[in-house]
Amino acid sequence: MQDLTLLVSLIGCLLVFFTTPVYGLIVYIGVLVLYPSYLTVPIWTIDFTAHRIVILSVYANLFLRTSLPNRFKPTWLDNIIIVYFICQVLAGITTTPVLKIIENRAGGVFDMVLPYFAVRMIVTSKEQYLSLLKGILFIAVPLAIVGIYQCLTGNNPVGFLKKYYAWEESKGYSPIPRHGFFRADVTFAMSIMYGLFFAMFGPICAGVLRNSRKHKTLYIIGLALMVIGVLTSVSSGPMLAALLAILFIFFYRWRKFWRPLVIVLIVLCGLVEAISNRHFYDVLGGFTLNSRTAWYRSRLISVALFQGGMSDHWLTGFGFADPGWSAMIDNRSHTDMVNHYLLVLSRYGLVAFIPFITMNLLVIKKLIDAGKSSVLDSDRWLVWCLAAGLFGLAGAFVSVSLFGQPTTIYYIMIGLAGAMPVIVAKSNARVYQRPASPFQKNKYIKGI
């Protein structure tokens, strides 16, 4: 399959060079999710997936044909991304052979850092942002349709490619039944990651609804298919992310009351801790399709944080070794790290976990700043939908950890959050530069 991977990569690279940067980014995302990331071409000690090769062409196009890199102005969020990865390497050196950690994090640069900065440099206006969302919707539709077919029949049209899995021996594709359906994965390594694609990008793509007059029905159909795409994975993590994001979006009309809502949620969590024999995260973990997996998720948190799981490893973690927590949970052969926060903490310790949390706090600040400065309600809606996607994912992190394509999508989302203040500022400037009638002001400009 190496020849096929090279061919797909070559086609992707050519399309990038024949399009504008934002459409090149859409091509990159298309290759990322429509071609399996478990098919690789080994170069030296790094396995190059098709999207890792295409991202290089995105940068070549940026540096050779545009002035965007020269106009790029780093922010605190940009800096913390670099700090976070440096801290991962520093922590990893203490737990993992140097060459192995450098090789692993080199792959991380291709999957996380490069996509993030590509988004930051390319998406600088509202028009580009909307073009990106529409492109993602276009990509998502066939992926969802194939997922529906797989969910109902158990047949994956590209499942035969799994026998060429790059990092471990594979017997190929075999359907996984659950609750009378089959768990769809299509081009993803597993159904959870497939469902997360829709749960992560779906809320963001809802931003087009208040920003497009033409083809609105088609966008609604596309978004509906993304919701169905989440369901066809028959996976709790994506469903939790989607549910939280949808609730967040519905709260848009009452967003002025977010402070009382936060207080109520904190009080409810405190009441659960005080009067119940369960922790609040046990209740959140209950949003699952399987009571046993819900128990495992809450037990994992208790063991890691409160029962000595991180003892002697708080500073730099366990590296890529199994932390051995399964012995205190259910004696399975390995620790199933179904919590992204714990994945970062156990792998790199507080050295990288603190920058990781700082990165997410800066993302929240970027979105708050963009929302507060928005003049147009349609711009505020874009910010809110992006925040919804990140909020849903942050909640789902207690029940799922990222790998494969969703890891890259996560950093694309963070890149969009980093670009949002600039997008809103440019949109505001256009509003102030052109005269508007009282009718237009009343229709489009509302208070925060």
Protein backbone atom coordinates (compact mmCIF):
# COMPACT_ATOMS: atom_id res chain seq x y z
CA MET A 1 0.00 0.00 0.00
CA GLN A 2 3.02 2.31 0.06
CA ASP A 3 2.60 3.06 -3.66
CA LEU A 4 -1.05 4.00 -3.11
CA THR A 5 -0.11 6.24 -0.17
CA LEU A 6 2.51 7.99 -2.30
CA LEU A 7 0.00 8.43 -5.15
CA VAL A 8 -2.63 9.94 -2.83
CA SER A 9 0.06 12.19 -1.33
CA LEU A 10 1.21 13.32 -4.77
CA ILE A 11 -2.35 14.16 -5.87
CA GLY A 12 -2.92 16.04 -2.62
CA CYS A 13 0.32 18.02 -3.04
CA LEU A 14 -0.55 18.99 -6.61
CA LEU A 15 -4.03 20.13 -5.60
CA VAL A 16 -2.51 22.26 -2.84
CA PHE A 17 -0.20 24.00 -5.32
CA PHE A 18 -3.03 24.67 -7.76
CA THR A 19 -5.31 26.31 -5.18
CA THR A 20 -5.28 29.24 -2.78
CA PRO A 21 -3.92 28.58 0.74
CA VAL A 22 -7.35 28.15 2.34
CA TYR A 23 -8.44 25.59 -0.27
CA GLY A 24 -5.06 23.93 0.15
CA LEU A 25 -5.93 23.58 3.82
CA ILE A 26 -9.26 21.99 2.84
CA VAL A 27 -7.38 19.54 0.60
CA TYR A 28 -5.13 18.70 3.55
CA ILE A 29 -8.13 18.02 5.82
CA GLY A 30 -9.67 15.90 3.06
CA VAL A 31 -6.55 13.73 2.84
CA LEU A 32 -6.41 13.60 6.64
CA VAL A 33 -9.87 12.05 7.09
CA LEU A 34 -10.66 10.40 3.75
CA TYR A 35 -7.46 8.36 3.53
CA PRO A 36 -6.53 5.99 6.40
CA SER A 37 -3.82 7.34 8.67
CA TYR A 38 -2.68 3.79 9.45
CA LEU A 39 -1.23 3.48 5.92
CA THR A 40 2.27 4.94 5.84
CA VAL A 41 5.49 5.32 3.91
CA PRO A 42 8.55 4.81 6.17
CA ILE A 43 11.28 7.43 5.62
CA TRP A 44 14.27 6.93 7.90
CA THR A 45 12.71 6.21 11.30
CA ILE A 46 9.49 8.19 10.79
CA ASP A 47 6.33 6.75 9.28
CA PHE A 48 4.94 9.34 6.89
CA THR A 49 1.19 9.23 6.43
CA ALA A 50 -0.37 10.89 3.39
CA HIS A 51 -1.43 13.94 5.40
CA ARG A 52 2.08 14.34 6.85
CA ILE A 53 3.39 14.60 3.31
CA VAL A 54 0.63 16.97 2.19
CA ILE A 55 1.21 19.37 5.10
CA LEU A 56 4.72 19.90 3.76
CA SER A 57 3.24 21.04 0.45
CA VAL A 58 0.92 23.39 2.35
CA TYR A 59 3.97 25.06 3.89
CA ALA A 60 5.87 25.06 0.62
CA ASN A 61 2.94 26.83 -1.00
CA LEU A 62 2.83 29.35 1.86
CA PHE A 63 6.52 30.22 1.79
CA LEU A 64 7.08 30.09 -1.97
CA ARG A 65 3.88 31.71 -3.25
CA THR A 66 2.53 33.96 -0.50
CA SER A 67 3.69 36.58 1.98
CA LEU A 68 1.56 35.15 4.80
CA PRO A 69 4.53 33.87 6.87
CA ASN A 70 6.05 37.37 6.89
CA ARG A 71 2.79 38.87 8.15
CA PHE A 72 2.39 36.33 10.93
CA LYS A 73 2.58 37.82 14.44
CA PRO A 74 3.08 35.29 17.27
CA THR A 75 0.81 35.41 20.32
CA TRP A 76 0.98 33.87 23.77
CA LEU A 77 -1.04 30.91 22.50
CA ASP A 78 1.45 30.32 19.68
CA ASN A 79 4.31 30.40 22.16
CA ILE A 80 2.68 28.00 24.61
CA ILE A 81 2.19 25.46 21.80
CA ILE A 82 5.97 25.43 21.33
CA VAL A 83 6.59 25.37 25.09
CA TYR A 84 4.19 22.44 25.48
CA PHE A 85 6.07 20.35 22.93
CA ILE A 86 9.47 21.25 24.35
CA CYS A 87 8.22 20.18 27.79
CA GLN A 88 7.03 16.88 26.33
CA VAL A 89 10.53 16.21 25.01
CA LEU A 90 12.19 17.25 28.28
CA ALA A 91 9.88 15.04 30.32
CA GLY A 92 10.24 12.18 27.86
CA ILE A 93 14.03 12.22 28.04
CA THR A 94 13.80 11.20 31.72
CA THR A 95 11.54 8.21 31.04
CA THR A 96 12.19 7.10 27.47
CA PRO A 97 15.30 6.47 25.33
CA VAL A 98 16.29 9.78 23.73
CA LEU A 99 16.02 8.61 20.13
CA LYS A 100 12.59 7.12 20.75
CA ILE A 101 11.15 10.27 22.32
CA ILE A 102 12.64 12.49 19.60
CA GLU A 103 11.26 10.20 16.89
CA ASN A 104 7.82 10.13 18.51
CA ARG A 105 7.63 13.89 19.05
CA ALA A 106 8.90 14.52 15.51
CA GLY A 107 5.77 12.73 14.34
CA GLY A 108 3.80 14.89 16.77
CA VAL A 109 5.19 18.02 15.14
CA PHE A 110 3.77 16.87 11.80
CA ASP A 111 0.40 15.94 13.29
CA MET A 112 -0.07 18.85 15.71
CA VAL A 113 2.33 21.79 15.51
CA LEU A 114 2.48 22.15 11.72
CA PRO A 115 -1.33 21.97 11.21
CA TYR A 116 -1.84 24.47 14.04
CA PHE A 117 0.50 27.09 12.58
CA ALA A 118 -0.80 26.46 9.06
CA VAL A 119 -4.28 27.41 10.28
CA ARG A 120 -2.94 30.43 12.13
CA MET A 121 -1.18 31.76 9.03
CA ILE A 122 -3.87 30.95 6.47
CA VAL A 123 -7.23 31.66 8.13
CA THR A 124 -7.16 35.43 8.71
CA SER A 125 -10.59 36.56 7.53
CA LYS A 126 -14.23 35.65 7.93
CA GLU A 127 -14.51 34.69 4.26
CA GLN A 128 -11.64 32.23 4.58
CA TYR A 129 -13.09 30.83 7.80
CA LEU A 130 -16.48 30.22 6.18
CA SER A 131 -14.84 28.69 3.11
CA LEU A 132 -13.02 26.28 5.42
CA LEU A 133 -16.23 25.30 7.21
CA LYS A 134 -18.07 24.71 3.93
CA GLY A 135 -15.16 22.61 2.69
CA ILE A 136 -15.29 20.49 5.86
CA LEU A 137 -19.02 19.97 5.38
CA PHE A 138 -18.37 18.86 1.81
CA ILE A 139 -15.80 16.35 3.06
CA ALA A 140 -18.01 15.10 5.90
CA VAL A 141 -21.05 14.19 3.77
CA PRO A 142 -19.60 11.16 1.90
CA LEU A 143 -17.81 10.05 5.07
CA ALA A 144 -21.11 10.05 6.96
CA ILE A 145 -23.00 8.26 4.16
CA VAL A 146 -20.45 5.44 4.05
CA GLY A 147 -20.62 5.28 7.86
CA ILE A 148 -24.40 4.85 7.71
CA TYR A 149 -23.95 2.00 5.23
CA GLN A 150 -21.35 0.32 7.47
CA CYS A 151 -23.46 0.81 10.60
CA LEU A 152 -26.48 -0.88 9.02
CA THR A 153 -24.74 -3.68 7.11
CA GLY A 154 -21.40 -4.25 8.85
CA ASN A 155 -19.60 -3.82 5.53
CA ASN A 156 -16.78 -1.30 5.32
CA PRO A 157 -15.89 -0.59 1.64
CA VAL A 158 -12.32 0.33 2.60
CA GLY A 159 -12.02 -2.13 5.49
CA PHE A 160 -9.67 -4.37 3.48
CA LEU A 161 -6.96 -1.72 3.93
CA LYS A 162 -6.72 -2.52 7.64
CA LYS A 163 -4.64 -5.59 6.94
CA TYR A 164 -1.87 -3.19 5.90
CA TYR A 165 -1.91 -1.46 9.33
CA ALA A 166 1.50 0.18 9.78
CA TRP A 167 2.21 -0.11 13.53
CA GLU A 168 0.98 -3.54 14.53
CA GLU A 169 -0.09 -6.84 13.06
CA SER A 170 -3.66 -6.78 11.83
CA LYS A 171 -5.97 -9.49 10.60
CA GLY A 172 -7.96 -6.97 8.62
CA TYR A 173 -11.43 -5.64 9.15
CA SER A 174 -14.13 -7.46 11.08
CA PRO A 175 -17.48 -5.82 11.97
CA ILE A 176 -18.08 -4.95 15.62
CA PRO A 177 -21.76 -5.24 16.63
CA ARG A 178 -23.33 -3.13 19.38
CA HIS A 179 -26.99 -2.65 20.30
CA GLY A 180 -28.24 -4.14 17.02
CA PHE A 181 -25.95 -2.06 14.80
CA PHE A 182 -22.34 -2.19 13.68
CA ARG A 183 -19.78 0.36 14.84
CA ALA A 184 -18.70 2.45 11.86
CA ASP A 185 -15.06 3.50 11.45
CA VAL A 186 -14.64 3.81 7.64
CA THR A 187 -11.13 5.34 7.15
CA PHE A 188 -10.35 5.70 10.87
CA ALA A 189 -8.44 3.24 13.04
CA MET A 190 -11.43 2.76 15.34
CA SER A 191 -15.05 3.82 15.64
CA ILE A 192 -14.48 6.23 18.55
CA MET A 193 -12.09 8.34 16.49
CA TYR A 194 -14.49 8.25 13.53
CA GLY A 195 -17.34 9.55 15.69
CA LEU A 196 -15.12 12.24 17.17
CA PHE A 197 -14.47 13.70 13.72
CA PHE A 198 -18.15 14.65 13.46
CA ALA A 199 -18.48 15.60 17.13
CA MET A 200 -15.50 17.98 16.87
CA PHE A 201 -16.08 19.59 13.48
CA GLY A 202 -19.91 19.44 13.48
CA PRO A 203 -20.52 22.21 16.04
CA ILE A 204 -17.99 24.48 14.33
CA CYS A 205 -19.61 23.96 10.93
CA ALA A 206 -22.94 25.07 12.43
CA GLY A 207 -21.42 28.54 12.22
CA VAL A 208 -22.37 28.73 8.54
CA LEU A 209 -26.10 28.80 9.36
CA ARG A 210 -26.17 32.46 10.38
CA ASN A 211 -23.61 33.51 7.79
CA SER A 212 -24.98 32.11 4.53
CA ARG A 213 -28.18 32.92 2.69
CA LYS A 214 -27.61 30.61 -0.28
CA HIS A 215 -27.68 26.82 -0.06
CA LYS A 216 -28.79 26.94 3.58
CA THR A 217 -30.89 23.80 3.16
CA LEU A 218 -27.85 21.92 1.91
CA TYR A 219 -25.85 23.03 4.93
CA ILE A 220 -28.61 21.84 7.26
CA ILE A 221 -28.62 18.45 5.53
CA GLY A 222 -24.83 18.29 5.87
CA LEU A 223 -25.01 19.09 9.58
CA ALA A 224 -27.75 16.49 10.07
CA LEU A 225 -25.52 13.89 8.42
CA MET A 226 -22.71 14.87 10.80
CA VAL A 227 -25.02 14.21 13.75
CA ILE A 228 -25.91 10.84 12.25
CA GLY A 229 -22.18 10.22 11.73
CA VAL A 230 -21.67 10.53 15.49
CA LEU A 231 -24.46 8.02 16.11
CA THR A 232 -23.15 5.49 13.59
CA SER A 233 -19.95 5.15 15.60
CA VAL A 234 -22.12 3.73 18.43
CA SER A 235 -19.50 5.13 20.82
CA SER A 236 -20.06 6.93 24.11
CA GLY A 237 -17.18 9.42 23.87
CA PRO A 238 -18.27 11.04 20.61
CA MET A 239 -21.91 11.05 21.75
CA LEU A 240 -20.95 12.82 24.98
CA ALA A 241 -18.90 15.41 23.05
CA ALA A 242 -21.78 16.00 20.63
CA LEU A 243 -24.39 16.23 23.39
CA LEU A 244 -22.39 18.80 25.35
CA ALA A 245 -21.70 20.82 22.20
CA ILE A 246 -25.37 20.83 21.17
CA LEU A 247 -26.44 21.95 24.65
CA PHE A 248 -23.82 24.70 24.50
CA ILE A 249 -25.15 25.89 21.12
CA PHE A 250 -28.75 25.92 22.35
CA PHE A 251 -27.66 28.12 25.25
CA TYR A 252 -26.60 30.86 22.80
CA ARG A 253 -29.79 32.85 23.27
CA TRP A 254 -29.29 32.91 27.05
CA ARG A 255 -25.51 33.40 26.99
CA LYS A 256 -25.73 36.49 29.22
CA PHE A 257 -26.57 34.15 32.07
CA TRP A 258 -23.42 32.05 31.81
CA ARG A 259 -22.08 33.14 35.19
CA PRO A 260 -25.14 31.93 37.18
CA LEU A 261 -25.06 28.70 35.17
CA VAL A 262 -21.41 28.07 36.06
CA ILE A 263 -22.20 28.72 39.73
CA VAL A 264 -25.15 26.29 39.60
CA LEU A 265 -22.96 23.60 38.00
CA ILE A 266 -20.26 24.05 40.66
CA VAL A 267 -22.87 23.84 43.41
CA LEU A 268 -24.39 20.69 41.89
CA CYS A 269 -20.96 19.05 41.69
CA GLY A 270 -20.35 20.02 45.32
CA LEU A 271 -23.70 18.54 46.36
CA VAL A 272 -22.90 15.28 44.59
CA GLU A 273 -19.60 15.11 46.47
CA ALA A 274 -21.22 16.01 49.82
CA ILE A 275 -24.41 13.94 49.93
CA SER A 276 -23.68 11.08 47.54
CA ASN A 277 -21.35 8.09 47.74
CA ARG A 278 -20.26 8.91 44.17
CA HIS A 279 -17.89 11.55 42.81
CA PHE A 280 -19.22 14.13 40.35
CA TYR A 281 -17.08 12.61 37.59
CA ASP A 282 -18.81 9.27 38.24
CA VAL A 283 -22.08 10.94 37.28
CA LEU A 284 -20.55 12.49 34.15
CA GLY A 285 -19.06 9.11 33.27
CA GLY A 286 -22.54 7.65 33.44
CA PHE A 287 -23.29 9.11 30.02
CA THR A 288 -22.11 5.95 28.32
CA LEU A 289 -23.58 3.03 26.43
CA ASN A 290 -22.07 0.51 28.82
CA SER A 291 -22.27 0.67 32.62
CA ARG A 292 -19.03 -1.29 32.98
CA THR A 293 -17.04 1.16 30.87
CA ALA A 294 -18.59 4.02 32.87
CA TRP A 295 -17.36 2.38 36.07
CA TYR A 296 -13.91 1.88 34.57
CA ARG A 297 -13.63 5.56 33.54
CA SER A 298 -14.45 6.88 37.01
CA ARG A 299 -12.28 4.25 38.68
CA LEU A 300 -9.35 5.27 36.44
CA ILE A 301 -9.56 8.86 37.74
CA SER A 302 -9.74 7.74 41.36
CA VAL A 303 -6.76 5.41 41.04
CA ALA A 304 -4.62 7.92 39.15
CA LEU A 305 -5.26 10.97 41.31
CA PHE A 306 -6.35 9.79 44.75
CA GLN A 307 -5.03 6.27 45.28
CA GLY A 308 -1.36 6.63 44.51
CA GLY A 309 -1.40 5.95 40.78
CA MET A 310 0.94 8.87 40.07
CA SER A 311 3.16 8.31 43.12
CA ASP A 312 6.83 9.07 42.35
CA HIS A 313 5.84 10.02 38.79
CA TRP A 314 4.10 13.36 39.24
CA LEU A 315 6.96 15.39 37.77
CA THR A 316 7.71 13.71 34.44
CA GLY A 317 5.24 10.82 34.25
CA PHE A 318 5.74 7.24 33.08
CA GLY A 319 6.65 8.01 29.48
CA PHE A 320 5.18 5.57 26.99
CA ALA A 321 5.26 2.70 29.48
CA ASP A 322 2.05 1.32 30.94
CA PRO A 323 1.55 2.96 34.37
CA GLY A 324 0.25 -0.33 35.74
CA TRP A 325 -3.03 1.04 37.07
CA SER A 326 -5.03 -1.90 35.74
CA ALA A 327 -3.81 -3.94 38.73
CA MET A 328 -5.82 -1.58 40.96
CA ILE A 329 -8.87 -1.50 38.66
CA ASP A 330 -9.82 -4.76 36.96
CA ASN A 331 -6.57 -6.68 36.33
CA ARG A 332 -6.80 -6.44 32.56
CA SER A 333 -3.57 -6.83 30.60
CA HIS A 334 -3.05 -3.09 30.14
CA THR A 335 -4.27 0.28 31.37
CA ASP A 336 -6.89 1.53 28.95
CA MET A 337 -6.23 5.29 29.09
CA VAL A 338 -9.75 6.49 28.33
CA ASN A 339 -9.10 10.01 29.64
CA HIS A 340 -7.09 12.54 27.66
CA TYR A 341 -6.18 14.60 30.72
CA LEU A 342 -4.76 11.52 32.42
CA LEU A 343 -3.02 10.48 29.20
CA VAL A 344 -1.03 13.73 29.17
CA LEU A 345 -0.37 13.58 32.91
CA SER A 346 0.70 9.93 32.98
CA ARG A 347 2.87 10.21 29.90
CA TYR A 348 4.68 13.50 30.62
CA GLY A 349 3.83 14.44 34.21
CA LEU A 350 3.20 17.96 35.49
CA VAL A 351 6.10 19.24 33.38
CA ALA A 352 3.87 19.04 30.30
CA PHE A 353 0.45 18.85 31.94
CA ILE A 354 0.69 22.43 33.25
CA PRO A 355 1.49 23.86 29.76
CA PHE A 356 -1.34 21.72 28.36
CA ILE A 357 -3.85 23.26 30.77
CA THR A 358 -2.36 26.71 30.16
CA MET A 359 -2.82 26.19 26.42
CA ASN A 360 -6.50 25.42 26.90
CA LEU A 361 -7.00 28.40 29.22
CA LEU A 362 -5.46 30.68 26.59
CA VAL A 363 -7.86 29.21 24.02
CA ILE A 364 -10.77 30.16 26.28
CA LYS A 365 -9.37 33.68 26.66
CA LYS A 366 -9.04 34.04 22.87
CA LEU A 367 -12.66 33.05 22.37
CA ILE A 368 -13.91 35.34 25.15
CA ASP A 369 -11.94 38.26 23.70
CA ALA A 370 -13.29 37.57 20.21
CA GLY A 371 -16.86 37.23 21.46
CA LYS A 372 -16.73 40.44 23.48
CA SER A 373 -15.26 42.46 20.61
CA SER A 374 -17.75 41.16 18.00
CA VAL A 375 -20.01 43.81 16.51
CA LEU A 376 -22.05 41.53 14.27
CA ASP A 377 -24.25 38.86 15.78
CA SER A 378 -23.22 36.56 12.94
CA ASP A 379 -19.57 36.87 14.05
CA ARG A 380 -20.51 36.16 17.64
CA TRP A 381 -22.34 33.05 16.43
CA LEU A 382 -19.15 31.82 14.72
CA VAL A 383 -17.21 32.27 17.94
CA TRP A 384 -19.94 30.52 19.95
CA CYS A 385 -20.04 27.48 17.63
CA LEU A 386 -16.25 27.09 17.80
CA ALA A 387 -16.46 27.36 21.58
CA ALA A 388 -19.20 24.70 21.56
CA GLY A 389 -16.97 22.22 19.72
CA LEU A 390 -14.12 22.78 22.16
CA PHE A 391 -16.45 22.66 25.19
CA GLY A 392 -17.93 19.35 24.08
CA LEU A 393 -14.48 17.89 23.53
CA ALA A 394 -13.21 19.15 26.90
CA GLY A 395 -16.08 17.34 28.61
CA ALA A 396 -15.57 14.18 26.56
CA PHE A 397 -11.88 14.12 27.51
CA VAL A 398 -12.88 12.46 30.78
CA SER A 399 -14.06 9.42 28.82
CA VAL A 400 -11.82 9.30 25.75
CA SER A 401 -8.24 10.11 24.76
CA LEU A 402 -7.23 11.27 21.31
CA PHE A 403 -5.04 9.57 18.76
CA GLY A 404 -4.87 9.49 14.99
CA GLN A 405 -6.82 12.04 12.96
CA PRO A 406 -8.76 13.61 15.89
CA THR A 407 -5.45 14.68 17.45
CA THR A 408 -4.71 16.78 14.37
CA ILE A 409 -8.31 18.05 14.26
CA TYR A 410 -7.92 19.19 17.89
CA TYR A 411 -4.94 21.37 16.99
CA ILE A 412 -6.74 22.70 13.94
CA MET A 413 -9.54 23.77 16.28
CA ILE A 414 -7.04 25.43 18.61
CA GLY A 415 -5.54 27.20 15.59
CA LEU A 416 -8.99 28.50 14.63
CA ALA A 417 -9.46 29.78 18.18
CA GLY A 418 -6.10 31.55 17.97
CA ALA A 419 -7.13 33.17 14.69
CA MET A 420 -10.62 34.19 15.82
CA PRO A 421 -9.73 37.60 17.37
CA VAL A 422 -8.09 38.67 14.07
CA ILE A 423 -11.07 37.39 12.05
CA VAL A 424 -13.51 39.33 14.23
CA ALA A 425 -11.35 42.48 14.18
CA LYS A 426 -11.27 42.51 10.38
CA SER A 427 -15.02 41.94 10.22
CA ASN A 428 -15.59 44.80 12.66
CA ALA A 429 -13.39 47.09 10.58
CA ARG A 430 -15.52 46.48 7.51
CA VAL A 431 -18.69 47.29 9.48
CA TYR A 432 -17.30 50.59 10.71
CA GLN A 433 -15.97 51.54 7.27
CA ARG A 434 -19.32 51.29 5.47
CA PRO A 435 -22.44 53.27 6.39
CA ALA A 436 -25.38 51.21 7.56
CA SER A 437 -29.05 52.07 7.66
CA PRO A 438 -30.96 51.93 10.98
CA PHE A 439 -32.69 48.79 9.71
CA GLN A 440 -29.35 47.05 9.10
CA LYS A 441 -28.05 48.07 12.49
CA ASN A 442 -31.11 46.71 14.25
CA LYS A 443 -30.97 43.49 12.26
CA TYR A 444 -27.32 42.62 12.50
CA ILE A 445 -25.88 44.44 15.47
CA LYS A 446 -26.95 43.33 18.92
CA GLY A 447 -25.56 43.70 22.38
CA ILE A 448 -23.37 41.06 23.91
